[in-house]
Amino acid sequence: YVEMVATAPSAQRRGYASALLEHFVPLLGEYELAALCPATENLYARLGWRFWRGPLSVRQDGGVVATPDERVMILPRSQTPSLDLDLPLSVEWRRGDVW
């Protein structure tokens, strides 16, 4: 997981976060897809991340719980199958931020 990419205000707008995220992508290896819940959208959109438009939920205790307040961006990769960004998307529950 990569969580909380942030740049000190005095160092912003110099490309540090973009460089970090561009370095991160090759580390995904064979994963077909990357997803995150952005605090700032423009940075990720510039790097090819796209919003998932369909309903979001978390799977836990044998059920599914809607997470309507979340916004998720995905990064399609060369091995990503064709996606319908309007379909439901769910994630397994985990401690901390689920998305």
N, C-alpha and C. Protein backbone atom coordinates (compact mmCIF):
# COMPACT_ATOMS: atom_id res chain seq x y z
N TYR A 1 0.83 -1.19 0.00
CA TYR A 1 0.00 0.00 0.00
C TYR A 1 0.87 1.25 0.00
N VAL A 2 0.41 2.23 -0.68
CA VAL A 2 0.98 3.57 -0.57
C VAL A 2 -0.11 4.43 0.02
N GLU A 3 0.17 5.04 1.13
CA GLU A 3 -0.83 5.89 1.78
C GLU A 3 -0.22 7.23 2.12
N MET A 4 -1.02 8.26 1.96
CA MET A 4 -0.66 9.62 2.36
C MET A 4 0.58 10.15 1.66
N VAL A 5 0.52 10.24 0.36
CA VAL A 5 1.57 10.93 -0.37
C VAL A 5 1.37 12.42 -0.12
N ALA A 6 2.37 13.07 0.42
CA ALA A 6 2.25 14.49 0.75
C ALA A 6 3.60 15.16 0.53
N THR A 7 3.53 16.43 0.22
CA THR A 7 4.74 17.24 0.03
C THR A 7 4.64 18.45 0.94
N ALA A 8 5.74 18.78 1.59
CA ALA A 8 5.77 19.98 2.44
C ALA A 8 5.38 21.19 1.60
N PRO A 9 4.59 22.09 2.16
CA PRO A 9 4.16 23.27 1.39
C PRO A 9 5.31 24.01 0.71
N SER A 10 6.45 24.11 1.39
CA SER A 10 7.59 24.84 0.81
C SER A 10 8.21 24.12 -0.39
N ALA A 11 7.89 22.82 -0.58
CA ALA A 11 8.47 22.05 -1.68
C ALA A 11 7.45 21.67 -2.74
N GLN A 12 6.23 22.14 -2.61
CA GLN A 12 5.18 21.79 -3.57
C GLN A 12 5.43 22.44 -4.93
N ARG A 13 4.81 21.83 -5.95
CA ARG A 13 4.85 22.32 -7.34
C ARG A 13 6.24 22.17 -7.96
N ARG A 14 7.02 21.22 -7.44
CA ARG A 14 8.35 20.96 -8.01
C ARG A 14 8.45 19.57 -8.63
N GLY A 15 7.34 18.82 -8.61
CA GLY A 15 7.33 17.51 -9.24
C GLY A 15 7.74 16.35 -8.36
N TYR A 16 7.94 16.58 -7.06
CA TYR A 16 8.39 15.49 -6.19
C TYR A 16 7.35 14.38 -6.07
N ALA A 17 6.10 14.73 -5.83
CA ALA A 17 5.05 13.71 -5.69
C ALA A 17 4.85 12.97 -7.01
N SER A 18 4.87 13.69 -8.13
CA SER A 18 4.75 13.04 -9.44
C SER A 18 5.88 12.05 -9.66
N ALA A 19 7.10 12.45 -9.34
CA ALA A 19 8.26 11.57 -9.51
C ALA A 19 8.13 10.32 -8.64
N LEU A 20 7.69 10.50 -7.41
CA LEU A 20 7.49 9.36 -6.52
C LEU A 20 6.47 8.39 -7.09
N LEU A 21 5.33 8.91 -7.53
CA LEU A 21 4.28 8.05 -8.06
C LEU A 21 4.69 7.39 -9.37
N GLU A 22 5.44 8.07 -10.20
CA GLU A 22 5.93 7.46 -11.44
C GLU A 22 6.91 6.33 -11.12
N HIS A 23 7.69 6.47 -10.07
CA HIS A 23 8.62 5.42 -9.64
C HIS A 23 7.85 4.23 -9.05
N PHE A 24 6.73 4.50 -8.44
CA PHE A 24 5.92 3.48 -7.78
C PHE A 24 5.30 2.51 -8.78
N VAL A 25 4.86 2.99 -9.93
CA VAL A 25 4.10 2.16 -10.88
C VAL A 25 4.84 0.88 -11.27
N PRO A 26 6.12 0.91 -11.62
CA PRO A 26 6.81 -0.34 -11.95
C PRO A 26 6.85 -1.33 -10.78
N LEU A 27 6.74 -0.85 -9.56
CA LEU A 27 6.77 -1.74 -8.40
C LEU A 27 5.48 -2.55 -8.26
N LEU A 28 4.47 -2.23 -9.05
CA LEU A 28 3.22 -2.97 -9.01
C LEU A 28 3.35 -4.37 -9.59
N GLY A 29 4.42 -4.62 -10.30
CA GLY A 29 4.67 -5.95 -10.84
C GLY A 29 3.54 -6.42 -11.73
N GLU A 30 3.02 -7.61 -11.42
CA GLU A 30 1.99 -8.24 -12.25
C GLU A 30 0.56 -7.85 -11.87
N TYR A 31 0.40 -6.98 -10.88
CA TYR A 31 -0.96 -6.55 -10.53
C TYR A 31 -1.62 -5.93 -11.75
N GLU A 32 -2.87 -6.30 -11.98
CA GLU A 32 -3.59 -5.80 -13.14
C GLU A 32 -4.12 -4.39 -12.95
N LEU A 33 -4.21 -3.94 -11.71
CA LEU A 33 -4.88 -2.68 -11.44
C LEU A 33 -4.35 -2.10 -10.13
N ALA A 34 -4.27 -0.80 -10.06
CA ALA A 34 -3.95 -0.10 -8.82
C ALA A 34 -5.15 0.78 -8.48
N ALA A 35 -5.40 0.97 -7.20
CA ALA A 35 -6.53 1.81 -6.78
C ALA A 35 -6.11 2.62 -5.56
N LEU A 36 -6.70 3.80 -5.44
CA LEU A 36 -6.44 4.64 -4.27
C LEU A 36 -7.61 5.57 -4.05
N CYS A 37 -7.64 6.14 -2.88
CA CYS A 37 -8.68 7.09 -2.48
C CYS A 37 -7.98 8.44 -2.32
N PRO A 38 -8.02 9.31 -3.33
CA PRO A 38 -7.19 10.51 -3.32
C PRO A 38 -7.73 11.64 -2.48
N ALA A 39 -6.82 12.38 -1.88
CA ALA A 39 -7.20 13.62 -1.22
C ALA A 39 -7.14 14.76 -2.23
N THR A 40 -6.22 14.65 -3.19
CA THR A 40 -6.05 15.63 -4.25
C THR A 40 -6.16 14.90 -5.58
N GLU A 41 -7.09 15.31 -6.41
CA GLU A 41 -7.36 14.58 -7.65
C GLU A 41 -6.43 14.94 -8.79
N ASN A 42 -6.05 16.19 -8.93
CA ASN A 42 -5.32 16.64 -10.11
C ASN A 42 -4.00 15.91 -10.30
N LEU A 43 -3.28 15.69 -9.23
CA LEU A 43 -2.00 14.99 -9.32
C LEU A 43 -2.18 13.63 -9.97
N TYR A 44 -3.11 12.86 -9.48
CA TYR A 44 -3.31 11.50 -9.98
C TYR A 44 -3.88 11.50 -11.39
N ALA A 45 -4.82 12.39 -11.68
CA ALA A 45 -5.40 12.47 -13.02
C ALA A 45 -4.32 12.76 -14.06
N ARG A 46 -3.38 13.63 -13.74
CA ARG A 46 -2.28 13.94 -14.67
C ARG A 46 -1.44 12.71 -14.97
N LEU A 47 -1.40 11.77 -14.04
CA LEU A 47 -0.57 10.57 -14.20
C LEU A 47 -1.35 9.37 -14.73
N GLY A 48 -2.59 9.61 -15.19
CA GLY A 48 -3.36 8.55 -15.83
C GLY A 48 -4.38 7.84 -14.95
N TRP A 49 -4.50 8.23 -13.69
CA TRP A 49 -5.49 7.63 -12.81
C TRP A 49 -6.88 8.13 -13.20
N ARG A 50 -7.88 7.25 -13.11
CA ARG A 50 -9.25 7.60 -13.50
C ARG A 50 -10.21 7.26 -12.37
N PHE A 51 -11.28 8.04 -12.24
CA PHE A 51 -12.26 7.77 -11.19
C PHE A 51 -13.11 6.56 -11.54
N TRP A 52 -13.34 5.74 -10.52
CA TRP A 52 -14.32 4.66 -10.63
C TRP A 52 -15.67 5.30 -10.37
N ARG A 53 -16.60 5.20 -11.32
CA ARG A 53 -17.88 5.89 -11.23
C ARG A 53 -18.98 5.05 -10.58
N GLY A 54 -18.80 3.74 -10.56
CA GLY A 54 -19.82 2.85 -10.02
C GLY A 54 -19.84 2.88 -8.50
N PRO A 55 -20.84 2.20 -7.92
CA PRO A 55 -20.95 2.16 -6.46
C PRO A 55 -19.79 1.39 -5.83
N LEU A 56 -19.38 1.86 -4.66
CA LEU A 56 -18.26 1.26 -3.94
C LEU A 56 -18.76 0.59 -2.67
N SER A 57 -18.07 -0.49 -2.28
CA SER A 57 -18.46 -1.18 -1.05
C SER A 57 -17.26 -1.94 -0.50
N VAL A 58 -17.44 -2.43 0.73
CA VAL A 58 -16.42 -3.24 1.39
C VAL A 58 -17.04 -4.58 1.76
N ARG A 59 -16.29 -5.66 1.55
CA ARG A 59 -16.75 -7.00 1.91
C ARG A 59 -16.23 -7.33 3.30
N GLN A 60 -17.14 -7.70 4.20
CA GLN A 60 -16.73 -8.08 5.56
C GLN A 60 -17.77 -8.97 6.20
N ASP A 61 -17.31 -9.91 6.99
CA ASP A 61 -18.19 -10.82 7.74
C ASP A 61 -19.24 -11.47 6.85
N GLY A 62 -18.86 -11.85 5.64
CA GLY A 62 -19.77 -12.53 4.74
C GLY A 62 -20.78 -11.63 4.06
N GLY A 63 -20.70 -10.33 4.28
CA GLY A 63 -21.63 -9.39 3.66
C GLY A 63 -20.91 -8.29 2.92
N VAL A 64 -21.70 -7.38 2.39
CA VAL A 64 -21.17 -6.25 1.64
C VAL A 64 -21.78 -4.98 2.23
N VAL A 65 -20.92 -4.00 2.55
CA VAL A 65 -21.37 -2.73 3.13
C VAL A 65 -21.01 -1.61 2.15
N ALA A 66 -22.01 -0.84 1.76
CA ALA A 66 -21.78 0.27 0.84
C ALA A 66 -20.89 1.33 1.49
N THR A 67 -20.05 1.95 0.67
CA THR A 67 -19.18 3.05 1.13
C THR A 67 -19.42 4.25 0.22
N PRO A 68 -20.62 4.84 0.29
CA PRO A 68 -20.98 5.91 -0.66
C PRO A 68 -20.18 7.20 -0.51
N ASP A 69 -19.54 7.41 0.62
CA ASP A 69 -18.78 8.64 0.82
C ASP A 69 -17.35 8.56 0.28
N GLU A 70 -16.96 7.40 -0.20
CA GLU A 70 -15.60 7.23 -0.72
C GLU A 70 -15.56 7.55 -2.21
N ARG A 71 -14.39 8.02 -2.65
CA ARG A 71 -14.12 8.21 -4.08
C ARG A 71 -12.82 7.48 -4.36
N VAL A 72 -12.84 6.65 -5.38
CA VAL A 72 -11.68 5.82 -5.69
C VAL A 72 -11.21 6.11 -7.11
N MET A 73 -9.91 6.20 -7.26
CA MET A 73 -9.30 6.31 -8.58
C MET A 73 -8.54 5.02 -8.85
N ILE A 74 -8.56 4.61 -10.11
CA ILE A 74 -7.83 3.41 -10.52
C ILE A 74 -6.80 3.78 -11.57
N LEU A 75 -5.75 2.98 -11.63
CA LEU A 75 -4.73 3.16 -12.65
C LEU A 75 -4.72 1.91 -13.52
N PRO A 76 -5.31 2.00 -14.71
CA PRO A 76 -5.24 0.85 -15.62
C PRO A 76 -3.79 0.63 -16.05
N ARG A 77 -3.43 -0.62 -16.22
CA ARG A 77 -2.08 -0.99 -16.64
C ARG A 77 -2.15 -1.75 -17.95
N SER A 78 -1.03 -2.05 -18.53
CA SER A 78 -1.03 -2.75 -19.82
C SER A 78 -1.73 -4.10 -19.73
N GLN A 79 -1.67 -4.75 -18.58
CA GLN A 79 -2.30 -6.06 -18.41
C GLN A 79 -3.72 -5.97 -17.84
N THR A 80 -4.25 -4.76 -17.69
CA THR A 80 -5.61 -4.59 -17.16
C THR A 80 -6.62 -5.01 -18.21
N PRO A 81 -7.54 -5.92 -17.85
CA PRO A 81 -8.60 -6.27 -18.81
C PRO A 81 -9.53 -5.07 -19.02
N SER A 82 -10.37 -5.16 -20.02
CA SER A 82 -11.34 -4.10 -20.29
C SER A 82 -12.21 -3.90 -19.05
N LEU A 83 -12.41 -2.65 -18.65
CA LEU A 83 -13.17 -2.34 -17.44
C LEU A 83 -14.37 -1.47 -17.75
N ASP A 84 -15.45 -1.71 -17.04
CA ASP A 84 -16.62 -0.83 -17.07
C ASP A 84 -16.59 -0.06 -15.76
N LEU A 85 -16.20 1.19 -15.80
CA LEU A 85 -16.02 1.99 -14.59
C LEU A 85 -17.33 2.34 -13.90
N ASP A 86 -18.45 1.94 -14.48
CA ASP A 86 -19.76 2.20 -13.87
C ASP A 86 -20.29 1.01 -13.09
N LEU A 87 -19.62 -0.12 -13.14
CA LEU A 87 -20.04 -1.30 -12.38
C LEU A 87 -19.66 -1.15 -10.91
N PRO A 88 -20.27 -1.95 -10.02
CA PRO A 88 -19.87 -1.92 -8.60
C PRO A 88 -18.42 -2.39 -8.43
N LEU A 89 -17.76 -1.81 -7.43
CA LEU A 89 -16.39 -2.19 -7.08
C LEU A 89 -16.35 -2.39 -5.57
N SER A 90 -15.76 -3.51 -5.15
CA SER A 90 -15.67 -3.76 -3.71
C SER A 90 -14.24 -4.15 -3.35
N VAL A 91 -13.95 -4.04 -2.07
CA VAL A 91 -12.63 -4.35 -1.54
C VAL A 91 -12.82 -5.15 -0.26
N GLU A 92 -11.85 -6.00 0.06
CA GLU A 92 -11.88 -6.74 1.32
C GLU A 92 -11.62 -5.77 2.47
N TRP A 93 -12.30 -5.97 3.58
CA TRP A 93 -12.10 -5.13 4.75
C TRP A 93 -10.67 -5.28 5.24
N ARG A 94 -10.10 -4.19 5.73
CA ARG A 94 -8.80 -4.20 6.39
C ARG A 94 -8.79 -3.10 7.44
N ARG A 95 -7.91 -3.21 8.40
CA ARG A 95 -7.79 -2.17 9.43
C ARG A 95 -7.33 -0.87 8.79
N GLY A 96 -7.69 0.23 9.41
CA GLY A 96 -7.30 1.54 8.89
C GLY A 96 -8.27 1.98 7.81
N ASP A 97 -7.76 2.73 6.87
CA ASP A 97 -8.60 3.17 5.75
C ASP A 97 -8.87 1.98 4.84
N VAL A 98 -10.14 1.66 4.67
CA VAL A 98 -10.50 0.50 3.85
C VAL A 98 -10.07 0.72 2.41
N TRP A 99 -10.37 1.87 1.88
CA TRP A 99 -9.93 2.18 0.52
C TRP A 99 -8.59 2.81 0.61
